[in-house]
Amino acid sequence: MYEDIKGLRVERRGAILLITIDNPPMNANTRQSHGEMARIFEMINHDRETKVVVITGAGEKAFSAGGDIGAMVERIEKRQHDDWNMAFQEATHIINGLINLEKPLIARVNGHAMGFGATVAAFADFSYMMADAKIADTHVKVGLTAGDGGAAIWPLLVGFARAKRYLLTGDMLTGREAAQIGLITEAVETFEELDARTWEMAERLAQGATLAINSTKMAINLVMRRILNGVIETHMGYETATYLSNDHYEAAKAFRDKRKPNFTGT
């Protein structure tokens, strides 16, 4: 069923489907993996063998560091705006896919989760994270609106005041701090604990009353679906406006060149 998925690693463990973002060490998005993420959750809804989904990153350094900064610079300089339009559509499909996934999703956050990685961790039904790993929605630091889900899900999880505190600055939290404010489910100290928490919950859910579990999840998600359906396209529109800004180009170049950006507000 997943034979054409090549940018992500997909493995079946009985009734549990393991998805690995496989671009180590930082597991940044590639064009292929981003496109596959946009359609895999809908595929899973039609997969009768899968009862629970686990998503993680390859290696021990990062869950996902989000977008590829080098690719951002290249896209702007070569005026590859068609690529952005495609990414825009895919990002909308990813968020809708996450919120409409009928089966429980567990994020095994094995390392840093930035931008897109933070969004996936926040949308998961359970997120177990290394306590000293960092999580942040860093869109504003690269001159972009936190449009691909962060501005929608963070306020629902941690409240509007805390969400603004972190989304308007792009500041990082440790997994320990993220658990304390309710952004993730639990922080753990070792990889052994991470695996134990992840797979114990995955097995427990897989052995539970599937119809009841799935329908309860969807009932809980109704509120988020109603909110997202009204705002996600607007959020992505804001992000597109900032993608075309001088500040985004400056931030991307500065990150690539390992220097501090000089923002001009344009």
C-alpha atoms as a PDB file:
ATOM      1  CA  MET A   1       0.000   0.000   0.000  1.00  0.00           C
ATOM      2  CA  TYR A   2       2.908   2.341   0.744  1.00  0.00           C
ATOM      3  CA  GLU A   3       5.257   1.085  -1.975  1.00  0.00           C
ATOM      4  CA  ASP A   4       5.469   4.475  -3.679  1.00  0.00           C
ATOM      5  CA  ILE A   5       6.426   6.254  -0.423  1.00  0.00           C
ATOM      6  CA  LYS A   6      10.193   6.724  -0.765  1.00  0.00           C
ATOM      7  CA  GLY A   7      11.027   9.971   1.067  1.00  0.00           C
ATOM      8  CA  LEU A   8       9.645   8.612   4.344  1.00  0.00           C
ATOM      9  CA  ARG A   9      10.443   5.212   5.819  1.00  0.00           C
ATOM     10  CA  VAL A  10       7.293   3.196   6.503  1.00  0.00           C
ATOM     11  CA  GLU A  11       7.380  -0.017   8.542  1.00  0.00           C
ATOM     12  CA  ARG A  12       4.597  -2.215   9.848  1.00  0.00           C
ATOM     13  CA  ARG A  13       4.794  -3.712  13.326  1.00  0.00           C
ATOM     14  CA  GLY A  14       1.636  -5.734  13.562  1.00  0.00           C
ATOM     15  CA  ALA A  15      -1.252  -3.280  13.867  1.00  0.00           C
ATOM     16  CA  ILE A  16       1.145  -0.369  14.414  1.00  0.00           C
ATOM     17  CA  LEU A  17       2.496   1.649  11.482  1.00  0.00           C
ATOM     18  CA  LEU A  18       5.855   3.366  12.065  1.00  0.00           C
ATOM     19  CA  ILE A  19       6.672   6.415   9.926  1.00  0.00           C
ATOM     20  CA  THR A  20      10.255   7.692  10.096  1.00  0.00           C
ATOM     21  CA  ILE A  21      11.302  11.094   8.779  1.00  0.00           C
ATOM     22  CA  ASP A  22      14.507   9.780   7.255  1.00  0.00           C
ATOM     23  CA  ASN A  23      16.855  12.619   6.356  1.00  0.00           C
ATOM     24  CA  PRO A  24      19.455  12.561   9.152  1.00  0.00           C
ATOM     25  CA  PRO A  25      21.010  14.159  11.029  1.00  0.00           C
ATOM     26  CA  MET A  26      18.407  16.978  11.192  1.00  0.00           C
ATOM     27  CA  ASN A  27      15.588  15.266   9.238  1.00  0.00           C
ATOM     28  CA  ALA A  28      14.708  18.477   7.416  1.00  0.00           C
ATOM     29  CA  ASN A  29      11.886  18.334   4.908  1.00  0.00           C
ATOM     30  CA  THR A  30      12.718  17.416   1.354  1.00  0.00           C
ATOM     31  CA  ARG A  31      10.414  18.105  -1.562  1.00  0.00           C
ATOM     32  CA  GLN A  32       9.666  14.392  -1.749  1.00  0.00           C
ATOM     33  CA  SER A  33       9.036  13.803   1.956  1.00  0.00           C
ATOM     34  CA  HIS A  34       6.872  16.927   2.232  1.00  0.00           C
ATOM     35  CA  GLY A  35       4.737  15.775  -0.685  1.00  0.00           C
ATOM     36  CA  GLU A  36       4.415  12.291   0.767  1.00  0.00           C
ATOM     37  CA  MET A  37       3.460  13.663   4.177  1.00  0.00           C
ATOM     38  CA  ALA A  38       0.638  15.522   2.431  1.00  0.00           C
ATOM     39  CA  ARG A  39      -1.009  12.285   1.370  1.00  0.00           C
ATOM     40  CA  ILE A  40       0.074   9.545   3.742  1.00  0.00           C
ATOM     41  CA  PHE A  41      -2.452  10.266   6.500  1.00  0.00           C
ATOM     42  CA  GLU A  42      -5.380   9.919   4.114  1.00  0.00           C
ATOM     43  CA  MET A  43      -3.845   6.664   2.888  1.00  0.00           C
ATOM     44  CA  ILE A  44      -3.704   5.422   6.479  1.00  0.00           C
ATOM     45  CA  ASN A  45      -7.409   6.102   6.927  1.00  0.00           C
ATOM     46  CA  HIS A  46      -8.009   3.480   4.206  1.00  0.00           C
ATOM     47  CA  ASP A  47      -5.518   1.002   5.701  1.00  0.00           C
ATOM     48  CA  ARG A  48      -7.552  -1.596   7.573  1.00  0.00           C
ATOM     49  CA  GLU A  49      -4.478  -3.302   9.015  1.00  0.00           C
ATOM     50  CA  THR A  50      -3.279  -0.218  10.885  1.00  0.00           C
ATOM     51  CA  LYS A  51      -4.780   0.669  14.252  1.00  0.00           C
ATOM     52  CA  VAL A  52      -2.122   3.056  15.590  1.00  0.00           C
ATOM     53  CA  VAL A  53       0.458   5.291  13.921  1.00  0.00           C
ATOM     54  CA  VAL A  54       3.858   6.211  15.388  1.00  0.00           C
ATOM     55  CA  ILE A  55       5.948   8.954  13.788  1.00  0.00           C
ATOM     56  CA  THR A  56       9.604   9.626  14.623  1.00  0.00           C
ATOM     57  CA  GLY A  57      12.852  10.899  13.153  1.00  0.00           C
ATOM     58  CA  ALA A  58      15.934   8.966  12.085  1.00  0.00           C
ATOM     59  CA  GLY A  59      18.888   8.970  14.471  1.00  0.00           C
ATOM     60  CA  GLU A  60      19.133  10.653  17.867  1.00  0.00           C
ATOM     61  CA  LYS A  61      19.733  14.325  17.024  1.00  0.00           C
ATOM     62  CA  ALA A  62      16.434  15.579  15.604  1.00  0.00           C
ATOM     63  CA  PHE A  63      12.807  14.615  15.199  1.00  0.00           C
ATOM     64  CA  SER A  64      12.579  17.154  12.380  1.00  0.00           C
ATOM     65  CA  ALA A  65      14.293  20.499  12.001  1.00  0.00           C
ATOM     66  CA  GLY A  66      11.604  21.752   9.615  1.00  0.00           C
ATOM     67  CA  GLY A  67      12.411  23.347   6.272  1.00  0.00           C
ATOM     68  CA  ASP A  68      15.677  23.266   4.370  1.00  0.00           C
ATOM     69  CA  ILE A  69      17.129  26.796   4.626  1.00  0.00           C
ATOM     70  CA  GLY A  70      19.426  26.304   1.652  1.00  0.00           C
ATOM     71  CA  ALA A  71      16.449  25.315  -0.471  1.00  0.00           C
ATOM     72  CA  MET A  72      14.606  28.432   0.723  1.00  0.00           C
ATOM     73  CA  VAL A  73      17.407  30.700  -0.531  1.00  0.00           C
ATOM     74  CA  GLU A  74      17.598  28.879  -3.851  1.00  0.00           C
ATOM     75  CA  ARG A  75      13.853  29.042  -4.350  1.00  0.00           C
ATOM     76  CA  ILE A  76      13.803  32.806  -3.810  1.00  0.00           C
ATOM     77  CA  GLU A  77      16.874  33.575  -5.917  1.00  0.00           C
ATOM     78  CA  LYS A  78      15.669  31.435  -8.817  1.00  0.00           C
ATOM     79  CA  ARG A  79      12.108  32.756  -8.435  1.00  0.00           C
ATOM     80  CA  GLN A  80      10.781  29.231  -8.173  1.00  0.00           C
ATOM     81  CA  HIS A  81       7.420  30.418  -6.936  1.00  0.00           C
ATOM     82  CA  ASP A  82       5.677  27.369  -8.372  1.00  0.00           C
ATOM     83  CA  ASP A  83       7.579  25.332  -5.792  1.00  0.00           C
ATOM     84  CA  TRP A  84       6.204  27.542  -3.036  1.00  0.00           C
ATOM     85  CA  ASN A  85       2.656  27.233  -4.376  1.00  0.00           C
ATOM     86  CA  MET A  86       3.025  23.460  -4.349  1.00  0.00           C
ATOM     87  CA  ALA A  87       4.457  23.528  -0.816  1.00  0.00           C
ATOM     88  CA  PHE A  88       1.572  25.809   0.222  1.00  0.00           C
ATOM     89  CA  GLN A  89      -0.980  23.276  -1.015  1.00  0.00           C
ATOM     90  CA  GLU A  90       0.915  20.372   0.528  1.00  0.00           C
ATOM     91  CA  ALA A  91       1.147  22.101   3.910  1.00  0.00           C
ATOM     92  CA  THR A  92      -2.624  22.576   3.917  1.00  0.00           C
ATOM     93  CA  HIS A  93      -3.080  18.879   3.095  1.00  0.00           C
ATOM     94  CA  ILE A  94      -0.662  17.890   5.876  1.00  0.00           C
ATOM     95  CA  ILE A  95      -2.554  19.863   8.520  1.00  0.00           C
ATOM     96  CA  ASN A  96      -5.901  18.574   7.298  1.00  0.00           C
ATOM     97  CA  GLY A  97      -4.433  15.070   7.156  1.00  0.00           C
ATOM     98  CA  LEU A  98      -3.248  15.282  10.759  1.00  0.00           C
ATOM     99  CA  ILE A  99      -6.543  16.625  12.069  1.00  0.00           C
ATOM    100  CA  ASN A 100      -8.620  14.140  10.049  1.00  0.00           C
ATOM    101  CA  LEU A 101      -6.509  11.068  10.787  1.00  0.00           C
ATOM    102  CA  GLU A 102      -8.977   8.646  12.335  1.00  0.00           C
ATOM    103  CA  LYS A 103      -6.399   6.502  14.114  1.00  0.00           C
ATOM    104  CA  PRO A 104      -4.320   7.496  17.149  1.00  0.00           C
ATOM    105  CA  LEU A 105      -1.051   9.218  16.265  1.00  0.00           C
ATOM    106  CA  ILE A 106       1.916   9.019  18.633  1.00  0.00           C
ATOM    107  CA  ALA A 107       4.944  11.256  18.083  1.00  0.00           C
ATOM    108  CA  ARG A 108       8.200   9.737  19.307  1.00  0.00           C
ATOM    109  CA  VAL A 109      10.128  13.003  19.469  1.00  0.00           C
ATOM    110  CA  ASN A 110      13.668  11.642  19.537  1.00  0.00           C
ATOM    111  CA  GLY A 111      15.424  15.017  19.255  1.00  0.00           C
ATOM    112  CA  HIS A 112      14.941  18.650  18.288  1.00  0.00           C
ATOM    113  CA  ALA A 113      11.572  19.560  16.776  1.00  0.00           C
ATOM    114  CA  MET A 114      11.587  22.872  14.904  1.00  0.00           C
ATOM    115  CA  GLY A 115       9.019  24.531  12.644  1.00  0.00           C
ATOM    116  CA  PHE A 116       7.232  21.739  10.827  1.00  0.00           C
ATOM    117  CA  GLY A 117       8.579  19.204  13.337  1.00  0.00           C
ATOM    118  CA  ALA A 118       7.070  21.158  16.222  1.00  0.00           C
ATOM    119  CA  THR A 119       3.736  21.311  14.400  1.00  0.00           C
ATOM    120  CA  VAL A 120       3.611  17.539  13.892  1.00  0.00           C
ATOM    121  CA  ALA A 121       4.505  16.954  17.543  1.00  0.00           C
ATOM    122  CA  ALA A 122       1.793  19.366  18.668  1.00  0.00           C
ATOM    123  CA  PHE A 123      -0.903  17.813  16.468  1.00  0.00           C
ATOM    124  CA  ALA A 124      -0.128  14.242  17.554  1.00  0.00           C
ATOM    125  CA  ASP A 125      -2.527  12.661  20.037  1.00  0.00           C
ATOM    126  CA  PHE A 126       0.414  11.636  22.244  1.00  0.00           C
ATOM    127  CA  SER A 127       3.873  13.222  22.092  1.00  0.00           C
ATOM    128  CA  TYR A 128       6.721  11.691  24.073  1.00  0.00           C
ATOM    129  CA  MET A 129       9.874  13.781  23.875  1.00  0.00           C
ATOM    130  CA  MET A 130      13.455  13.736  25.106  1.00  0.00           C
ATOM    131  CA  ALA A 131      13.576  16.117  28.073  1.00  0.00           C
ATOM    132  CA  ASP A 132      16.666  18.038  26.934  1.00  0.00           C
ATOM    133  CA  ALA A 133      15.704  18.250  23.248  1.00  0.00           C
ATOM    134  CA  LYS A 134      14.465  21.620  21.993  1.00  0.00           C
ATOM    135  CA  ILE A 135      11.105  22.416  20.447  1.00  0.00           C
ATOM    136  CA  ALA A 136      10.096  25.681  18.802  1.00  0.00           C
ATOM    137  CA  ASP A 137       8.042  27.185  16.013  1.00  0.00           C
ATOM    138  CA  THR A 138      10.836  29.264  14.499  1.00  0.00           C
ATOM    139  CA  HIS A 139       8.956  30.761  11.554  1.00  0.00           C
ATOM    140  CA  VAL A 140       9.394  34.370  12.685  1.00  0.00           C
ATOM    141  CA  LYS A 141      13.154  33.850  12.972  1.00  0.00           C
ATOM    142  CA  VAL A 142      13.297  33.212   9.230  1.00  0.00           C
ATOM    143  CA  GLY A 143      10.899  36.043   8.454  1.00  0.00           C
ATOM    144  CA  LEU A 144       7.795  33.901   7.951  1.00  0.00           C
ATOM    145  CA  THR A 145       4.346  33.804   9.508  1.00  0.00           C
ATOM    146  CA  ALA A 146       3.781  30.753  11.715  1.00  0.00           C
ATOM    147  CA  GLY A 147       1.123  29.793   9.209  1.00  0.00           C
ATOM    148  CA  ASP A 148       1.380  26.051   8.672  1.00  0.00           C
ATOM    149  CA  GLY A 149      -0.468  25.020  11.805  1.00  0.00           C
ATOM    150  CA  GLY A 150       1.453  26.595  14.672  1.00  0.00           C
ATOM    151  CA  ALA A 151      -0.748  29.669  15.052  1.00  0.00           C
ATOM    152  CA  ALA A 152      -3.789  27.394  15.203  1.00  0.00           C
ATOM    153  CA  ILE A 153      -2.696  24.544  17.482  1.00  0.00           C
ATOM    154  CA  TRP A 154      -0.409  26.245  20.017  1.00  0.00           C
ATOM    155  CA  PRO A 155      -3.140  28.509  21.496  1.00  0.00           C
ATOM    156  CA  LEU A 156      -5.469  25.512  21.856  1.00  0.00           C
ATOM    157  CA  LEU A 157      -2.846  23.526  23.764  1.00  0.00           C
ATOM    158  CA  VAL A 158      -1.090  26.132  25.912  1.00  0.00           C
ATOM    159  CA  GLY A 159      -3.434  29.157  25.861  1.00  0.00           C
ATOM    160  CA  PHE A 160      -3.208  32.356  23.852  1.00  0.00           C
ATOM    161  CA  ALA A 161      -0.825  34.213  26.177  1.00  0.00           C
ATOM    162  CA  ARG A 162       1.783  31.442  26.194  1.00  0.00           C
ATOM    163  CA  ALA A 163       1.318  30.813  22.480  1.00  0.00           C
ATOM    164  CA  LYS A 164       2.071  34.459  21.712  1.00  0.00           C
ATOM    165  CA  ARG A 165       5.063  34.340  24.036  1.00  0.00           C
ATOM    166  CA  TYR A 166       6.681  31.630  21.928  1.00  0.00           C
ATOM    167  CA  LEU A 167       5.245  32.141  18.432  1.00  0.00           C
ATOM    168  CA  LEU A 168       6.076  35.867  18.271  1.00  0.00           C
ATOM    169  CA  THR A 169       9.666  35.269  19.383  1.00  0.00           C
ATOM    170  CA  GLY A 170      10.464  31.824  18.006  1.00  0.00           C
ATOM    171  CA  ASP A 171      12.075  31.038  21.363  1.00  0.00           C
ATOM    172  CA  MET A 172      12.834  27.424  22.155  1.00  0.00           C
ATOM    173  CA  LEU A 173      11.583  25.240  24.976  1.00  0.00           C
ATOM    174  CA  THR A 174      13.110  22.034  26.235  1.00  0.00           C
ATOM    175  CA  GLY A 175      10.979  18.930  26.130  1.00  0.00           C
ATOM    176  CA  ARG A 176      10.726  19.220  29.898  1.00  0.00           C
ATOM    177  CA  GLU A 177       9.332  22.771  29.644  1.00  0.00           C
ATOM    178  CA  ALA A 178       7.007  21.816  26.797  1.00  0.00           C
ATOM    179  CA  ALA A 179       5.477  19.049  28.918  1.00  0.00           C
ATOM    180  CA  GLN A 180       5.015  21.431  31.840  1.00  0.00           C
ATOM    181  CA  ILE A 181       2.899  23.845  29.759  1.00  0.00           C
ATOM    182  CA  GLY A 182       0.947  21.104  27.972  1.00  0.00           C
ATOM    183  CA  LEU A 183       2.446  21.416  24.503  1.00  0.00           C
ATOM    184  CA  ILE A 184       3.458  17.738  24.543  1.00  0.00           C
ATOM    185  CA  THR A 185       2.301  14.738  26.572  1.00  0.00           C
ATOM    186  CA  GLU A 186       5.439  13.793  28.490  1.00  0.00           C
ATOM    187  CA  ALA A 187       9.194  14.374  28.596  1.00  0.00           C
ATOM    188  CA  VAL A 188      11.586  11.529  29.353  1.00  0.00           C
ATOM    189  CA  GLU A 189      15.263  11.408  30.280  1.00  0.00           C
ATOM    190  CA  THR A 190      16.555   8.473  28.227  1.00  0.00           C
ATOM    191  CA  PHE A 191      15.957   6.831  24.873  1.00  0.00           C
ATOM    192  CA  GLU A 192      15.027   3.664  26.726  1.00  0.00           C
ATOM    193  CA  GLU A 193      12.221   5.553  28.457  1.00  0.00           C
ATOM    194  CA  LEU A 194      11.215   7.151  25.167  1.00  0.00           C
ATOM    195  CA  ASP A 195      10.812   3.764  23.521  1.00  0.00           C
ATOM    196  CA  ALA A 196       9.034   2.320  26.551  1.00  0.00           C
ATOM    197  CA  ARG A 197       6.456   5.148  26.726  1.00  0.00           C
ATOM    198  CA  THR A 198       5.898   5.171  22.972  1.00  0.00           C
ATOM    199  CA  TRP A 199       5.479   1.467  22.407  1.00  0.00           C
ATOM    200  CA  GLU A 200       3.581   0.751  25.618  1.00  0.00           C
ATOM    201  CA  MET A 201       0.944   3.300  24.616  1.00  0.00           C
ATOM    202  CA  ALA A 202       0.946   2.137  20.999  1.00  0.00           C
ATOM    203  CA  GLU A 203       0.366  -1.492  22.037  1.00  0.00           C
ATOM    204  CA  ARG A 204      -2.266  -0.504  24.579  1.00  0.00           C
ATOM    205  CA  LEU A 205      -4.228   1.465  21.970  1.00  0.00           C
ATOM    206  CA  ALA A 206      -3.792  -1.247  19.330  1.00  0.00           C
ATOM    207  CA  GLN A 207      -5.289  -3.808  21.731  1.00  0.00           C
ATOM    208  CA  GLY A 208      -8.151  -1.542  22.772  1.00  0.00           C
ATOM    209  CA  ALA A 209     -11.667  -1.033  21.427  1.00  0.00           C
ATOM    210  CA  THR A 210     -10.679   0.401  18.056  1.00  0.00           C
ATOM    211  CA  LEU A 211     -14.040   1.835  17.023  1.00  0.00           C
ATOM    212  CA  ALA A 212     -14.531   3.509  20.390  1.00  0.00           C
ATOM    213  CA  ILE A 213     -10.989   4.876  20.501  1.00  0.00           C
ATOM    214  CA  ASN A 214     -11.122   6.237  16.958  1.00  0.00           C
ATOM    215  CA  SER A 215     -14.553   7.797  17.339  1.00  0.00           C
ATOM    216  CA  THR A 216     -13.591   9.370  20.659  1.00  0.00           C
ATOM    217  CA  LYS A 217     -10.508  10.886  19.032  1.00  0.00           C
ATOM    218  CA  MET A 218     -12.594  12.284  16.194  1.00  0.00           C
ATOM    219  CA  ALA A 219     -15.137  13.675  18.646  1.00  0.00           C
ATOM    220  CA  ILE A 220     -12.354  15.496  20.501  1.00  0.00           C
ATOM    221  CA  ASN A 221     -10.934  16.780  17.217  1.00  0.00           C
ATOM    222  CA  LEU A 222     -14.252  18.261  16.073  1.00  0.00           C
ATOM    223  CA  VAL A 223     -13.506  21.526  17.836  1.00  0.00           C
ATOM    224  CA  MET A 224     -10.059  21.772  16.255  1.00  0.00           C
ATOM    225  CA  ARG A 225     -11.472  20.859  12.843  1.00  0.00           C
ATOM    226  CA  ARG A 226     -14.039  23.637  13.029  1.00  0.00           C
ATOM    227  CA  ILE A 227     -11.375  26.159  13.977  1.00  0.00           C
ATOM    228  CA  LEU A 228      -8.875  24.988  11.385  1.00  0.00           C
ATOM    229  CA  ASN A 229     -11.377  24.825   8.548  1.00  0.00           C
ATOM    230  CA  GLY A 230     -12.028  28.515   9.065  1.00  0.00           C
ATOM    231  CA  VAL A 231      -8.458  29.752   9.337  1.00  0.00           C
ATOM    232  CA  ILE A 232      -5.825  27.481   7.792  1.00  0.00           C
ATOM    233  CA  GLU A 233      -6.039  28.958   4.275  1.00  0.00           C
ATOM    234  CA  THR A 234      -5.814  32.476   5.714  1.00  0.00           C
ATOM    235  CA  HIS A 235      -2.834  31.480   7.854  1.00  0.00           C
ATOM    236  CA  MET A 236      -1.097  30.073   4.793  1.00  0.00           C
ATOM    237  CA  GLY A 237      -1.933  33.264   2.908  1.00  0.00           C
ATOM    238  CA  TYR A 238      -0.179  35.290   5.595  1.00  0.00           C
ATOM    239  CA  GLU A 239       2.805  32.992   5.317  1.00  0.00           C
ATOM    240  CA  THR A 240       2.895  33.451   1.538  1.00  0.00           C
ATOM    241  CA  ALA A 241       2.949  37.230   1.968  1.00  0.00           C
ATOM    242  CA  THR A 242       5.983  36.940   4.231  1.00  0.00           C
ATOM    243  CA  TYR A 243       7.641  34.426   1.913  1.00  0.00           C
ATOM    244  CA  LEU A 244       7.756  37.249  -0.649  1.00  0.00           C
ATOM    245  CA  SER A 245       9.242  39.716   1.846  1.00  0.00           C
ATOM    246  CA  ASN A 246      12.793  41.073   1.980  1.00  0.00           C
ATOM    247  CA  ASP A 247      13.038  39.974   5.616  1.00  0.00           C
ATOM    248  CA  HIS A 248      12.526  36.321   4.714  1.00  0.00           C
ATOM    249  CA  TYR A 249      15.225  36.456   2.058  1.00  0.00           C
ATOM    250  CA  GLU A 250      17.577  38.199   4.473  1.00  0.00           C
ATOM    251  CA  ALA A 251      16.870  35.688   7.255  1.00  0.00           C
ATOM    252  CA  ALA A 252      17.415  32.700   4.967  1.00  0.00           C
ATOM    253  CA  LYS A 253      20.727  34.109   3.697  1.00  0.00           C
ATOM    254  CA  ALA A 254      21.855  34.979   7.222  1.00  0.00           C
ATOM    255  CA  PHE A 255      21.079  31.478   8.473  1.00  0.00           C
ATOM    256  CA  ARG A 256      22.974  29.957   5.573  1.00  0.00           C
ATOM    257  CA  ASP A 257      25.931  32.305   6.140  1.00  0.00           C
ATOM    258  CA  LYS A 258      25.848  31.807   9.946  1.00  0.00           C
ATOM    259  CA  ARG A 259      25.376  35.468  10.772  1.00  0.00           C
ATOM    260  CA  LYS A 260      22.739  37.600  12.462  1.00  0.00           C
ATOM    261  CA  PRO A 261      19.987  38.828  10.092  1.00  0.00           C
ATOM    262  CA  ASN A 262      19.436  42.549   9.545  1.00  0.00           C
ATOM    263  CA  PHE A 263      15.656  42.874   9.433  1.00  0.00           C
ATOM    264  CA  THR A 264      14.144  45.983   7.828  1.00  0.00           C
ATOM    265  CA  GLY A 265      10.464  45.220   8.282  1.00  0.00           C
ATOM    266  CA  THR A 266       9.866  44.941   4.546  1.00  0.00           C
END
